[in-house]
Amino acid sequence: MTADDRPDAPTLAEDLLLLLFQPRSGTIAGENTLFYVLAGAVLADLALGEHLTTAERRRVRSVEGHPPSDEILRSAWDYLSEKPRGVQTTLAAIGPALREPVLERLVGRGDIDRVPRKTLGLFRTTALREGRTERRARLLADVRRVLVDGVEPQARVAALAALLSASGTLPQFHREIPWTSPVITRAKELERGDWGADAAAEAVARTVTATVVNSAVVAITVLPRV
């Protein structure tokens, strides 16, 4: 299901950021490379909704006359409607502005809470805490079934797992998703677009997502991780 299938449905970027949120520490895994994978999630969402397709020389472009209704996705669609662009160029252009609006959506949905606190007993700040919706647990269970149990994924879950793998943060999920050779192998298959027979109808989405993920991996590997 894409973000346009029903009103106010969470985008893939929201799902990814929610998964990357670490309830134990109140932090988000992979902060210093976050904008690459969030931008990748936006492009993958556009592809899943048939708003985006590939062009020559490994570039992507908007599908003319088929804009998404979601504001965040529409902004990226508008950018790509000007002309076909390289994936890495697009990731760098749309990614930096995504964290805050995506996080605000998660707070607004109750998936993540902002709680006030004082630092050094003086300064008022806010901390992040897991909300009460339990949606993060459901998303994590979906990804676990694909990576650990070998369940053939729906296209959206396949894209989510591929992007999570591309973020380089999967080892931090060892409690829920054991960091084993079979898990690593399956994650890399998803990154390449090997989603299984059930996703055959999502050929364009698989191609675009694989291109996006591999471009994100190239960009991420040259940066230090946290």
N, C-alpha and C. Protein backbone atom coordinates (compact mmCIF):
# COMPACT_ATOMS: atom_id res chain seq x y z
N MET A 1 0.86 -1.20 0.00
CA MET A 1 0.00 0.00 0.00
C MET A 1 0.88 1.23 0.00
N THR A 2 0.55 2.19 -0.83
CA THR A 2 1.31 3.43 -0.89
C THR A 2 0.64 4.50 -0.05
N ALA A 3 1.35 5.62 0.08
CA ALA A 3 0.82 6.70 0.91
C ALA A 3 -0.42 7.33 0.32
N ASP A 4 -0.70 7.07 -0.97
CA ASP A 4 -1.87 7.66 -1.61
C ASP A 4 -3.07 6.73 -1.63
N ASP A 5 -2.95 5.52 -1.11
CA ASP A 5 -4.05 4.57 -1.17
C ASP A 5 -5.19 4.93 -0.24
N ARG A 6 -4.92 5.64 0.80
CA ARG A 6 -5.98 6.10 1.69
C ARG A 6 -5.53 7.42 2.31
N PRO A 7 -6.48 8.29 2.64
CA PRO A 7 -6.11 9.60 3.19
C PRO A 7 -5.29 9.47 4.47
N ASP A 8 -4.27 10.28 4.56
CA ASP A 8 -3.44 10.37 5.77
C ASP A 8 -2.69 9.08 6.10
N ALA A 9 -2.55 8.18 5.14
CA ALA A 9 -1.74 6.99 5.38
C ALA A 9 -0.28 7.40 5.56
N PRO A 10 0.45 6.74 6.47
CA PRO A 10 1.86 7.10 6.65
C PRO A 10 2.66 6.87 5.37
N THR A 11 3.60 7.73 5.12
CA THR A 11 4.51 7.54 3.99
C THR A 11 5.58 6.53 4.38
N LEU A 12 6.31 6.07 3.36
CA LEU A 12 7.41 5.15 3.61
C LEU A 12 8.50 5.82 4.44
N ALA A 13 8.71 7.12 4.23
CA ALA A 13 9.70 7.86 5.02
C ALA A 13 9.31 7.88 6.50
N GLU A 14 8.02 8.02 6.78
CA GLU A 14 7.56 7.97 8.17
C GLU A 14 7.82 6.60 8.79
N ASP A 15 7.48 5.55 8.03
CA ASP A 15 7.72 4.20 8.53
C ASP A 15 9.20 3.97 8.81
N LEU A 16 10.05 4.44 7.89
CA LEU A 16 11.48 4.24 8.05
C LEU A 16 12.01 4.99 9.27
N LEU A 17 11.63 6.25 9.42
CA LEU A 17 12.10 7.03 10.56
C LEU A 17 11.60 6.42 11.87
N LEU A 18 10.38 5.92 11.87
CA LEU A 18 9.85 5.28 13.08
C LEU A 18 10.65 4.04 13.44
N LEU A 19 11.03 3.25 12.44
CA LEU A 19 11.86 2.08 12.71
C LEU A 19 13.24 2.48 13.22
N LEU A 20 13.80 3.53 12.66
CA LEU A 20 15.13 3.98 13.07
C LEU A 20 15.14 4.59 14.47
N PHE A 21 13.97 5.02 14.94
CA PHE A 21 13.88 5.54 16.30
C PHE A 21 14.16 4.42 17.30
N GLN A 22 15.04 4.70 18.26
CA GLN A 22 15.44 3.70 19.26
C GLN A 22 14.79 4.04 20.61
N PRO A 23 13.74 3.32 21.00
CA PRO A 23 13.01 3.67 22.22
C PRO A 23 13.86 3.65 23.49
N ARG A 24 14.84 2.77 23.55
CA ARG A 24 15.64 2.65 24.77
C ARG A 24 16.45 3.91 25.05
N SER A 25 16.94 4.53 23.99
CA SER A 25 17.79 5.71 24.16
C SER A 25 17.10 7.01 23.79
N GLY A 26 15.96 6.91 23.11
CA GLY A 26 15.28 8.11 22.65
C GLY A 26 15.98 8.80 21.50
N THR A 27 16.84 8.07 20.80
CA THR A 27 17.60 8.63 19.68
C THR A 27 17.17 7.97 18.37
N ILE A 28 17.66 8.52 17.28
CA ILE A 28 17.39 7.97 15.96
C ILE A 28 18.69 7.41 15.40
N ALA A 29 18.67 6.15 15.04
CA ALA A 29 19.87 5.49 14.54
C ALA A 29 20.30 6.10 13.21
N GLY A 30 21.61 6.22 13.02
CA GLY A 30 22.14 6.69 11.75
C GLY A 30 21.85 8.14 11.44
N GLU A 31 21.86 8.99 12.46
CA GLU A 31 21.49 10.39 12.25
C GLU A 31 22.32 11.08 11.17
N ASN A 32 23.62 10.81 11.11
CA ASN A 32 24.45 11.59 10.20
C ASN A 32 24.32 11.17 8.74
N THR A 33 23.61 10.09 8.47
CA THR A 33 23.32 9.70 7.09
C THR A 33 21.81 9.63 6.84
N LEU A 34 21.06 10.18 7.78
CA LEU A 34 19.61 10.01 7.76
C LEU A 34 18.97 10.61 6.52
N PHE A 35 19.46 11.77 6.08
CA PHE A 35 18.76 12.43 4.97
C PHE A 35 18.85 11.62 3.68
N TYR A 36 19.92 10.81 3.52
CA TYR A 36 20.01 9.98 2.32
C TYR A 36 18.90 8.91 2.31
N VAL A 37 18.72 8.22 3.43
CA VAL A 37 17.75 7.12 3.43
C VAL A 37 16.32 7.64 3.47
N LEU A 38 16.08 8.78 4.12
CA LEU A 38 14.72 9.35 4.09
C LEU A 38 14.38 9.80 2.67
N ALA A 39 15.34 10.41 1.99
CA ALA A 39 15.10 10.79 0.60
C ALA A 39 14.89 9.55 -0.26
N GLY A 40 15.64 8.49 0.02
CA GLY A 40 15.45 7.24 -0.69
C GLY A 40 14.05 6.69 -0.49
N ALA A 41 13.54 6.82 0.73
CA ALA A 41 12.18 6.35 1.03
C ALA A 41 11.14 7.16 0.26
N VAL A 42 11.37 8.46 0.12
CA VAL A 42 10.45 9.30 -0.64
C VAL A 42 10.42 8.86 -2.10
N LEU A 43 11.59 8.63 -2.69
CA LEU A 43 11.64 8.19 -4.08
C LEU A 43 11.01 6.81 -4.25
N ALA A 44 11.27 5.91 -3.31
CA ALA A 44 10.68 4.58 -3.38
C ALA A 44 9.15 4.66 -3.29
N ASP A 45 8.66 5.54 -2.42
CA ASP A 45 7.22 5.72 -2.27
C ASP A 45 6.61 6.24 -3.58
N LEU A 46 7.29 7.18 -4.20
CA LEU A 46 6.81 7.69 -5.49
C LEU A 46 6.76 6.58 -6.54
N ALA A 47 7.78 5.72 -6.52
CA ALA A 47 7.81 4.61 -7.47
C ALA A 47 6.69 3.62 -7.20
N LEU A 48 6.46 3.30 -5.93
CA LEU A 48 5.40 2.35 -5.57
C LEU A 48 4.03 2.88 -5.97
N GLY A 49 3.87 4.21 -5.93
CA GLY A 49 2.61 4.82 -6.31
C GLY A 49 2.51 5.15 -7.78
N GLU A 50 3.54 4.70 -8.55
CA GLU A 50 3.59 4.94 -10.00
C GLU A 50 3.62 6.43 -10.35
N HIS A 51 4.23 7.21 -9.48
CA HIS A 51 4.42 8.64 -9.73
C HIS A 51 5.81 8.93 -10.29
N LEU A 52 6.65 7.91 -10.33
CA LEU A 52 8.06 8.08 -10.67
C LEU A 52 8.49 6.91 -11.53
N THR A 53 9.35 7.18 -12.48
CA THR A 53 9.88 6.10 -13.31
C THR A 53 11.33 6.39 -13.65
N THR A 54 11.96 5.44 -14.29
CA THR A 54 13.37 5.60 -14.64
C THR A 54 13.50 6.28 -16.00
N ALA A 55 14.65 6.93 -16.19
CA ALA A 55 14.99 7.54 -17.47
C ALA A 55 16.35 6.99 -17.88
N GLU A 56 16.86 7.43 -19.01
CA GLU A 56 18.15 6.95 -19.48
C GLU A 56 19.26 7.39 -18.54
N ARG A 57 20.37 6.67 -18.61
CA ARG A 57 21.57 6.96 -17.81
C ARG A 57 21.28 6.96 -16.30
N ARG A 58 20.47 5.98 -15.87
CA ARG A 58 20.21 5.75 -14.45
C ARG A 58 19.63 6.99 -13.75
N ARG A 59 18.84 7.72 -14.49
CA ARG A 59 18.17 8.86 -13.89
C ARG A 59 16.71 8.53 -13.62
N VAL A 60 16.05 9.38 -12.84
CA VAL A 60 14.63 9.19 -12.53
C VAL A 60 13.87 10.46 -12.90
N ARG A 61 12.58 10.28 -13.17
CA ARG A 61 11.76 11.43 -13.53
C ARG A 61 10.34 11.20 -13.05
N SER A 62 9.59 12.27 -12.89
CA SER A 62 8.19 12.18 -12.50
C SER A 62 7.36 11.67 -13.68
N VAL A 63 6.28 10.96 -13.34
CA VAL A 63 5.31 10.55 -14.35
C VAL A 63 4.38 11.74 -14.59
N GLU A 64 4.41 12.27 -15.79
CA GLU A 64 3.67 13.49 -16.10
C GLU A 64 2.17 13.30 -15.88
N GLY A 65 1.57 14.30 -15.22
CA GLY A 65 0.14 14.28 -15.00
C GLY A 65 -0.32 13.36 -13.89
N HIS A 66 0.63 12.82 -13.11
CA HIS A 66 0.23 11.89 -12.04
C HIS A 66 0.94 12.26 -10.72
N PRO A 67 0.64 13.45 -10.19
CA PRO A 67 1.29 13.87 -8.94
C PRO A 67 0.67 13.16 -7.74
N PRO A 68 1.45 12.95 -6.68
CA PRO A 68 0.90 12.37 -5.44
C PRO A 68 0.15 13.43 -4.65
N SER A 69 -0.76 13.01 -3.80
CA SER A 69 -1.52 13.96 -2.99
C SER A 69 -0.77 14.37 -1.73
N ASP A 70 0.14 13.53 -1.25
CA ASP A 70 0.90 13.84 -0.04
C ASP A 70 1.86 14.99 -0.30
N GLU A 71 1.92 15.95 0.62
CA GLU A 71 2.72 17.16 0.41
C GLU A 71 4.21 16.88 0.31
N ILE A 72 4.72 16.00 1.15
CA ILE A 72 6.16 15.71 1.12
C ILE A 72 6.52 15.01 -0.18
N LEU A 73 5.70 14.06 -0.59
CA LEU A 73 5.96 13.37 -1.85
C LEU A 73 5.79 14.32 -3.03
N ARG A 74 4.81 15.21 -2.93
CA ARG A 74 4.57 16.15 -4.03
C ARG A 74 5.76 17.07 -4.24
N SER A 75 6.40 17.49 -3.17
CA SER A 75 7.56 18.36 -3.30
C SER A 75 8.66 17.68 -4.11
N ALA A 76 8.91 16.41 -3.84
CA ALA A 76 9.93 15.67 -4.58
C ALA A 76 9.48 15.45 -6.03
N TRP A 77 8.20 15.16 -6.21
CA TRP A 77 7.66 14.96 -7.57
C TRP A 77 7.82 16.23 -8.40
N ASP A 78 7.54 17.38 -7.78
CA ASP A 78 7.69 18.66 -8.48
C ASP A 78 9.14 18.87 -8.90
N TYR A 79 10.06 18.54 -8.00
CA TYR A 79 11.49 18.71 -8.30
C TYR A 79 11.89 17.86 -9.51
N LEU A 80 11.37 16.65 -9.57
CA LEU A 80 11.73 15.74 -10.65
C LEU A 80 10.91 15.98 -11.91
N SER A 81 9.86 16.77 -11.80
CA SER A 81 9.06 17.07 -12.99
C SER A 81 9.74 18.10 -13.89
N GLU A 82 10.72 18.82 -13.33
CA GLU A 82 11.44 19.83 -14.13
C GLU A 82 12.27 19.18 -15.22
N LYS A 83 12.92 18.05 -14.86
CA LYS A 83 13.72 17.29 -15.82
C LYS A 83 14.19 16.01 -15.13
N PRO A 84 14.57 14.99 -15.88
CA PRO A 84 15.15 13.79 -15.25
C PRO A 84 16.44 14.15 -14.52
N ARG A 85 16.63 13.50 -13.39
CA ARG A 85 17.81 13.81 -12.58
C ARG A 85 18.46 12.53 -12.07
N GLY A 86 19.74 12.61 -11.81
CA GLY A 86 20.45 11.49 -11.22
C GLY A 86 19.96 11.24 -9.80
N VAL A 87 20.00 9.98 -9.39
CA VAL A 87 19.47 9.63 -8.07
C VAL A 87 20.26 10.29 -6.96
N GLN A 88 21.59 10.24 -7.03
CA GLN A 88 22.38 10.84 -5.96
C GLN A 88 22.15 12.34 -5.88
N THR A 89 22.02 13.00 -7.02
CA THR A 89 21.70 14.42 -7.03
C THR A 89 20.38 14.69 -6.33
N THR A 90 19.40 13.84 -6.62
CA THR A 90 18.08 14.00 -6.03
C THR A 90 18.09 13.74 -4.53
N LEU A 91 18.81 12.71 -4.11
CA LEU A 91 18.90 12.42 -2.68
C LEU A 91 19.48 13.61 -1.92
N ALA A 92 20.54 14.19 -2.48
CA ALA A 92 21.19 15.32 -1.81
C ALA A 92 20.30 16.57 -1.83
N ALA A 93 19.46 16.70 -2.84
CA ALA A 93 18.63 17.90 -2.98
C ALA A 93 17.41 17.86 -2.06
N ILE A 94 16.75 16.71 -1.97
CA ILE A 94 15.49 16.66 -1.21
C ILE A 94 15.67 16.16 0.21
N GLY A 95 16.80 15.50 0.50
CA GLY A 95 16.96 14.85 1.80
C GLY A 95 17.10 15.75 3.00
N PRO A 96 17.91 16.81 2.95
CA PRO A 96 18.19 17.60 4.16
C PRO A 96 16.97 18.21 4.82
N ALA A 97 15.91 18.47 4.08
CA ALA A 97 14.73 19.13 4.65
C ALA A 97 13.68 18.14 5.17
N LEU A 98 13.97 16.84 5.17
CA LEU A 98 12.93 15.85 5.46
C LEU A 98 12.78 15.50 6.94
N ARG A 99 13.85 15.52 7.70
CA ARG A 99 13.80 14.97 9.06
C ARG A 99 12.70 15.59 9.90
N GLU A 100 12.66 16.90 9.99
CA GLU A 100 11.73 17.55 10.90
C GLU A 100 10.27 17.36 10.51
N PRO A 101 9.88 17.59 9.25
CA PRO A 101 8.47 17.37 8.93
C PRO A 101 8.04 15.92 9.07
N VAL A 102 8.93 14.98 8.77
CA VAL A 102 8.58 13.57 8.94
C VAL A 102 8.44 13.24 10.43
N LEU A 103 9.36 13.74 11.24
CA LEU A 103 9.28 13.51 12.68
C LEU A 103 8.01 14.13 13.26
N GLU A 104 7.66 15.33 12.81
CA GLU A 104 6.46 15.98 13.30
C GLU A 104 5.21 15.17 12.98
N ARG A 105 5.20 14.52 11.84
CA ARG A 105 4.07 13.66 11.51
C ARG A 105 3.97 12.48 12.48
N LEU A 106 5.10 11.90 12.81
CA LEU A 106 5.10 10.78 13.76
C LEU A 106 4.61 11.22 15.13
N VAL A 107 5.03 12.42 15.53
CA VAL A 107 4.55 12.96 16.81
C VAL A 107 3.05 13.22 16.73
N GLY A 108 2.62 13.79 15.62
CA GLY A 108 1.20 14.09 15.46
C GLY A 108 0.33 12.85 15.46
N ARG A 109 0.87 11.73 14.96
CA ARG A 109 0.11 10.47 14.94
C ARG A 109 0.15 9.75 16.28
N GLY A 110 1.03 10.19 17.17
CA GLY A 110 1.17 9.52 18.46
C GLY A 110 2.12 8.34 18.42
N ASP A 111 2.84 8.16 17.30
CA ASP A 111 3.82 7.08 17.21
C ASP A 111 5.05 7.38 18.06
N ILE A 112 5.39 8.67 18.17
CA ILE A 112 6.49 9.14 19.00
C ILE A 112 5.98 10.31 19.82
N ASP A 113 6.38 10.38 21.08
CA ASP A 113 5.99 11.49 21.94
C ASP A 113 7.19 12.40 22.20
N ARG A 114 6.91 13.69 22.31
CA ARG A 114 7.92 14.64 22.80
C ARG A 114 7.62 14.91 24.26
N VAL A 115 8.60 14.73 25.12
CA VAL A 115 8.39 14.94 26.55
C VAL A 115 9.36 16.01 27.05
N PRO A 116 8.90 16.93 27.88
CA PRO A 116 9.78 17.98 28.39
C PRO A 116 10.77 17.43 29.42
N ARG A 117 11.93 18.02 29.47
CA ARG A 117 12.91 17.65 30.50
C ARG A 117 13.85 18.82 30.70
N LYS A 118 14.59 18.77 31.79
CA LYS A 118 15.58 19.80 32.09
C LYS A 118 16.98 19.19 32.00
N THR A 119 17.90 19.94 31.44
CA THR A 119 19.29 19.53 31.43
C THR A 119 20.05 20.39 32.43
N LEU A 120 20.89 19.75 33.19
CA LEU A 120 21.66 20.41 34.25
C LEU A 120 20.73 21.08 35.26
N GLY A 121 19.50 20.63 35.32
CA GLY A 121 18.54 21.18 36.27
C GLY A 121 18.06 22.57 35.93
N LEU A 122 18.47 23.09 34.78
CA LEU A 122 18.15 24.48 34.45
C LEU A 122 17.46 24.66 33.11
N PHE A 123 18.00 24.01 32.08
CA PHE A 123 17.56 24.30 30.72
C PHE A 123 16.45 23.35 30.29
N ARG A 124 15.39 23.93 29.81
CA ARG A 124 14.24 23.13 29.36
C ARG A 124 14.47 22.65 27.92
N THR A 125 14.37 21.36 27.72
CA THR A 125 14.49 20.77 26.39
C THR A 125 13.38 19.73 26.25
N THR A 126 13.38 19.04 25.14
CA THR A 126 12.43 17.94 24.97
C THR A 126 13.19 16.67 24.60
N ALA A 127 12.62 15.56 24.96
CA ALA A 127 13.18 14.26 24.62
C ALA A 127 12.13 13.47 23.84
N LEU A 128 12.58 12.48 23.09
CA LEU A 128 11.67 11.65 22.32
C LEU A 128 11.42 10.35 23.06
N ARG A 129 10.18 9.91 23.01
CA ARG A 129 9.79 8.67 23.68
C ARG A 129 8.79 7.93 22.78
N GLU A 130 8.83 6.62 22.83
CA GLU A 130 7.90 5.85 22.00
C GLU A 130 6.46 6.14 22.42
N GLY A 131 5.60 6.31 21.43
CA GLY A 131 4.19 6.57 21.70
C GLY A 131 3.43 5.29 22.06
N ARG A 132 2.12 5.40 22.05
CA ARG A 132 1.29 4.28 22.50
C ARG A 132 0.64 3.51 21.35
N THR A 133 0.95 3.87 20.12
CA THR A 133 0.25 3.25 19.00
C THR A 133 0.71 1.83 18.70
N GLU A 134 1.93 1.48 19.14
CA GLU A 134 2.54 0.18 18.88
C GLU A 134 2.80 -0.06 17.38
N ARG A 135 2.77 1.00 16.60
CA ARG A 135 2.99 0.83 15.16
C ARG A 135 4.44 0.46 14.85
N ARG A 136 5.37 0.97 15.65
CA ARG A 136 6.77 0.60 15.42
C ARG A 136 6.96 -0.90 15.58
N ALA A 137 6.34 -1.48 16.59
CA ALA A 137 6.47 -2.92 16.83
C ALA A 137 5.90 -3.72 15.66
N ARG A 138 4.81 -3.24 15.09
CA ARG A 138 4.21 -3.95 13.95
C ARG A 138 5.10 -3.86 12.72
N LEU A 139 5.68 -2.68 12.48
CA LEU A 139 6.59 -2.54 11.34
C LEU A 139 7.82 -3.42 11.51
N LEU A 140 8.36 -3.44 12.72
CA LEU A 140 9.54 -4.26 12.99
C LEU A 140 9.23 -5.73 12.80
N ALA A 141 8.03 -6.15 13.20
CA ALA A 141 7.62 -7.55 13.03
C ALA A 141 7.52 -7.89 11.54
N ASP A 142 7.01 -6.96 10.74
CA ASP A 142 6.92 -7.20 9.30
C ASP A 142 8.31 -7.39 8.69
N VAL A 143 9.25 -6.53 9.07
CA VAL A 143 10.61 -6.62 8.55
C VAL A 143 11.28 -7.90 9.04
N ARG A 144 11.05 -8.24 10.28
CA ARG A 144 11.65 -9.47 10.83
C ARG A 144 11.17 -10.71 10.08
N ARG A 145 9.88 -10.75 9.77
CA ARG A 145 9.34 -11.91 9.06
C ARG A 145 10.02 -12.10 7.71
N VAL A 146 10.37 -10.98 7.07
CA VAL A 146 11.03 -11.05 5.77
C VAL A 146 12.49 -11.46 5.92
N LEU A 147 13.21 -10.80 6.83
CA LEU A 147 14.65 -11.02 6.96
C LEU A 147 15.02 -12.28 7.74
N VAL A 148 14.23 -12.62 8.73
CA VAL A 148 14.57 -13.76 9.60
C VAL A 148 13.78 -15.01 9.23
N ASP A 149 12.49 -14.85 9.01
CA ASP A 149 11.63 -16.02 8.77
C ASP A 149 11.53 -16.39 7.30
N GLY A 150 12.04 -15.54 6.41
CA GLY A 150 12.04 -15.87 5.00
C GLY A 150 10.71 -15.69 4.30
N VAL A 151 9.79 -14.93 4.90
CA VAL A 151 8.49 -14.69 4.28
C VAL A 151 8.68 -13.81 3.06
N GLU A 152 8.00 -14.14 1.96
CA GLU A 152 8.07 -13.31 0.76
C GLU A 152 7.33 -12.01 1.02
N PRO A 153 7.98 -10.88 0.81
CA PRO A 153 7.40 -9.61 1.26
C PRO A 153 6.44 -8.98 0.27
N GLN A 154 5.53 -8.17 0.78
CA GLN A 154 4.83 -7.23 -0.06
C GLN A 154 5.84 -6.17 -0.49
N ALA A 155 5.54 -5.50 -1.60
CA ALA A 155 6.51 -4.55 -2.16
C ALA A 155 6.90 -3.47 -1.16
N ARG A 156 5.93 -2.95 -0.41
CA ARG A 156 6.23 -1.87 0.53
C ARG A 156 7.16 -2.33 1.64
N VAL A 157 6.94 -3.52 2.16
CA VAL A 157 7.80 -4.06 3.22
C VAL A 157 9.18 -4.36 2.66
N ALA A 158 9.23 -4.86 1.43
CA ALA A 158 10.53 -5.11 0.79
C ALA A 158 11.34 -3.82 0.66
N ALA A 159 10.68 -2.76 0.22
CA ALA A 159 11.37 -1.47 0.09
C ALA A 159 11.83 -0.97 1.46
N LEU A 160 10.99 -1.12 2.47
CA LEU A 160 11.34 -0.66 3.82
C LEU A 160 12.55 -1.42 4.34
N ALA A 161 12.55 -2.74 4.17
CA ALA A 161 13.68 -3.55 4.64
C ALA A 161 14.95 -3.21 3.87
N ALA A 162 14.82 -2.98 2.56
CA ALA A 162 15.99 -2.62 1.75
C ALA A 162 16.59 -1.29 2.20
N LEU A 163 15.73 -0.32 2.47
CA LEU A 163 16.21 0.99 2.92
C LEU A 163 16.82 0.90 4.31
N LEU A 164 16.23 0.09 5.17
CA LEU A 164 16.79 -0.10 6.51
C LEU A 164 18.19 -0.71 6.41
N SER A 165 18.33 -1.67 5.51
CA SER A 165 19.65 -2.27 5.29
C SER A 165 20.63 -1.24 4.74
N ALA A 166 20.16 -0.44 3.79
CA ALA A 166 21.04 0.57 3.19
C ALA A 166 21.51 1.60 4.20
N SER A 167 20.72 1.83 5.25
CA SER A 167 21.09 2.83 6.26
C SER A 167 22.31 2.41 7.06
N GLY A 168 22.66 1.13 7.01
CA GLY A 168 23.80 0.63 7.77
C GLY A 168 23.53 0.43 9.24
N THR A 169 22.27 0.48 9.65
CA THR A 169 21.92 0.40 11.07
C THR A 169 21.39 -0.96 11.51
N LEU A 170 21.27 -1.91 10.60
CA LEU A 170 20.68 -3.20 10.97
C LEU A 170 21.37 -3.87 12.17
N PRO A 171 22.70 -3.76 12.31
CA PRO A 171 23.33 -4.38 13.49
C PRO A 171 22.76 -3.84 14.81
N GLN A 172 22.23 -2.62 14.82
CA GLN A 172 21.68 -2.06 16.05
C GLN A 172 20.33 -2.68 16.42
N PHE A 173 19.75 -3.49 15.51
CA PHE A 173 18.47 -4.13 15.76
C PHE A 173 18.65 -5.59 16.17
N HIS A 174 19.86 -5.92 16.65
CA HIS A 174 20.18 -7.32 16.90
C HIS A 174 19.23 -8.00 17.89
N ARG A 175 18.68 -7.26 18.84
CA ARG A 175 17.74 -7.86 19.78
C ARG A 175 16.51 -8.41 19.06
N GLU A 176 16.03 -7.69 18.07
CA GLU A 176 14.81 -8.10 17.37
C GLU A 176 15.11 -8.83 16.06
N ILE A 177 16.19 -8.43 15.37
CA ILE A 177 16.56 -9.03 14.10
C ILE A 177 18.02 -9.48 14.22
N PRO A 178 18.24 -10.74 14.53
CA PRO A 178 19.62 -11.22 14.75
C PRO A 178 20.52 -10.92 13.56
N TRP A 179 21.70 -10.43 13.84
CA TRP A 179 22.65 -10.05 12.79
C TRP A 179 23.42 -11.28 12.37
N THR A 180 22.81 -12.08 11.51
CA THR A 180 23.37 -13.36 11.08
C THR A 180 23.66 -13.33 9.58
N SER A 181 24.41 -14.31 9.11
CA SER A 181 24.74 -14.38 7.68
C SER A 181 23.49 -14.48 6.81
N PRO A 182 22.50 -15.33 7.15
CA PRO A 182 21.29 -15.38 6.32
C PRO A 182 20.54 -14.04 6.28
N VAL A 183 20.51 -13.33 7.39
CA VAL A 183 19.84 -12.02 7.42
C VAL A 183 20.59 -11.04 6.53
N ILE A 184 21.90 -11.02 6.63
CA ILE A 184 22.71 -10.13 5.80
C ILE A 184 22.50 -10.43 4.33
N THR A 185 22.51 -11.73 3.98
CA THR A 185 22.32 -12.13 2.59
C THR A 185 20.96 -11.69 2.06
N ARG A 186 19.91 -11.91 2.86
CA ARG A 186 18.57 -11.54 2.40
C ARG A 186 18.43 -10.02 2.28
N ALA A 187 19.03 -9.29 3.22
CA ALA A 187 18.96 -7.83 3.16
C ALA A 187 19.62 -7.31 1.89
N LYS A 188 20.75 -7.90 1.52
CA LYS A 188 21.44 -7.46 0.30
C LYS A 188 20.63 -7.82 -0.94
N GLU A 189 19.92 -8.95 -0.91
CA GLU A 189 19.05 -9.32 -2.03
C GLU A 189 17.95 -8.27 -2.21
N LEU A 190 17.37 -7.83 -1.10
CA LEU A 190 16.32 -6.82 -1.17
C LEU A 190 16.88 -5.50 -1.70
N GLU A 191 18.09 -5.16 -1.29
CA GLU A 191 18.71 -3.94 -1.80
C GLU A 191 18.84 -3.98 -3.32
N ARG A 192 19.10 -5.18 -3.86
CA ARG A 192 19.28 -5.33 -5.31
C ARG A 192 17.94 -5.40 -6.05
N GLY A 193 16.83 -5.44 -5.32
CA GLY A 193 15.53 -5.51 -5.96
C GLY A 193 14.99 -6.91 -6.12
N ASP A 194 15.62 -7.90 -5.47
CA ASP A 194 15.13 -9.28 -5.52
C ASP A 194 14.07 -9.45 -4.44
N TRP A 195 12.83 -9.12 -4.79
CA TRP A 195 11.74 -9.10 -3.82
C TRP A 195 10.89 -10.36 -3.84
N GLY A 196 11.04 -11.21 -4.87
CA GLY A 196 10.24 -12.42 -4.95
C GLY A 196 9.13 -12.32 -5.97
N ALA A 197 8.50 -13.44 -6.24
CA ALA A 197 7.48 -13.53 -7.30
C ALA A 197 6.27 -12.66 -7.02
N ASP A 198 5.87 -12.54 -5.76
CA ASP A 198 4.67 -11.77 -5.44
C ASP A 198 4.82 -10.30 -5.78
N ALA A 199 6.04 -9.85 -5.91
CA ALA A 199 6.28 -8.44 -6.22
C ALA A 199 6.55 -8.22 -7.70
N ALA A 200 6.26 -9.24 -8.52
CA ALA A 200 6.55 -9.13 -9.95
C ALA A 200 5.83 -7.96 -10.60
N ALA A 201 4.64 -7.68 -10.12
CA ALA A 201 3.87 -6.57 -10.70
C ALA A 201 4.47 -5.22 -10.37
N GLU A 202 5.40 -5.19 -9.43
CA GLU A 202 6.03 -3.94 -9.01
C GLU A 202 7.39 -3.77 -9.69
N ALA A 203 7.48 -4.15 -10.95
CA ALA A 203 8.78 -4.15 -11.63
C ALA A 203 9.43 -2.78 -11.64
N VAL A 204 8.66 -1.74 -11.96
CA VAL A 204 9.23 -0.39 -11.98
C VAL A 204 9.66 0.03 -10.58
N ALA A 205 8.82 -0.26 -9.59
CA ALA A 205 9.15 0.10 -8.21
C ALA A 205 10.42 -0.61 -7.76
N ARG A 206 10.55 -1.89 -8.14
CA ARG A 206 11.76 -2.64 -7.76
C ARG A 206 12.99 -2.03 -8.41
N THR A 207 12.87 -1.69 -9.69
CA THR A 207 14.01 -1.11 -10.41
C THR A 207 14.41 0.23 -9.82
N VAL A 208 13.42 1.09 -9.60
CA VAL A 208 13.71 2.41 -9.03
C VAL A 208 14.28 2.28 -7.63
N THR A 209 13.65 1.43 -6.81
CA THR A 209 14.11 1.29 -5.42
C THR A 209 15.52 0.73 -5.37
N ALA A 210 15.82 -0.25 -6.21
CA ALA A 210 17.17 -0.81 -6.23
C ALA A 210 18.18 0.27 -6.63
N THR A 211 17.82 1.08 -7.62
CA THR A 211 18.69 2.18 -8.04
C THR A 211 18.88 3.18 -6.91
N VAL A 212 17.76 3.53 -6.26
CA VAL A 212 17.81 4.48 -5.15
C VAL A 212 18.66 3.94 -4.01
N VAL A 213 18.41 2.68 -3.63
CA VAL A 213 19.11 2.09 -2.50
C VAL A 213 20.61 2.01 -2.78
N ASN A 214 20.97 1.56 -3.97
CA ASN A 214 22.39 1.44 -4.27
C ASN A 214 23.08 2.79 -4.33
N SER A 215 22.37 3.80 -4.81
CA SER A 215 22.93 5.15 -4.80
C SER A 215 23.10 5.66 -3.38
N ALA A 216 22.12 5.34 -2.53
CA ALA A 216 22.22 5.73 -1.12
C ALA A 216 23.38 5.02 -0.45
N VAL A 217 23.57 3.74 -0.75
CA VAL A 217 24.67 2.98 -0.17
C VAL A 217 26.00 3.61 -0.54
N VAL A 218 26.16 3.96 -1.82
CA VAL A 218 27.40 4.59 -2.27
C VAL A 218 27.65 5.89 -1.52
N ALA A 219 26.58 6.69 -1.36
CA ALA A 219 26.73 7.97 -0.66
C ALA A 219 27.05 7.77 0.82
N ILE A 220 26.37 6.81 1.42
CA ILE A 220 26.51 6.58 2.86
C ILE A 220 27.87 6.03 3.23
N THR A 221 28.42 5.16 2.38
CA THR A 221 29.67 4.50 2.73
C THR A 221 30.86 5.46 2.82
N VAL A 222 30.74 6.65 2.25
CA VAL A 222 31.85 7.60 2.34
C VAL A 222 31.72 8.51 3.56
N LEU A 223 30.67 8.31 4.35
CA LEU A 223 30.46 9.14 5.53
C LEU A 223 30.61 8.30 6.79
N PRO A 224 31.08 8.91 7.89
CA PRO A 224 31.14 8.18 9.17
C PRO A 224 29.75 7.92 9.68
N ARG A 225 29.56 6.81 10.40
CA ARG A 225 28.25 6.46 10.94
C ARG A 225 28.25 6.60 12.44
N VAL A 226 27.01 6.84 12.99
CA VAL A 226 26.85 6.87 14.43
C VAL A 226 25.89 5.78 14.81
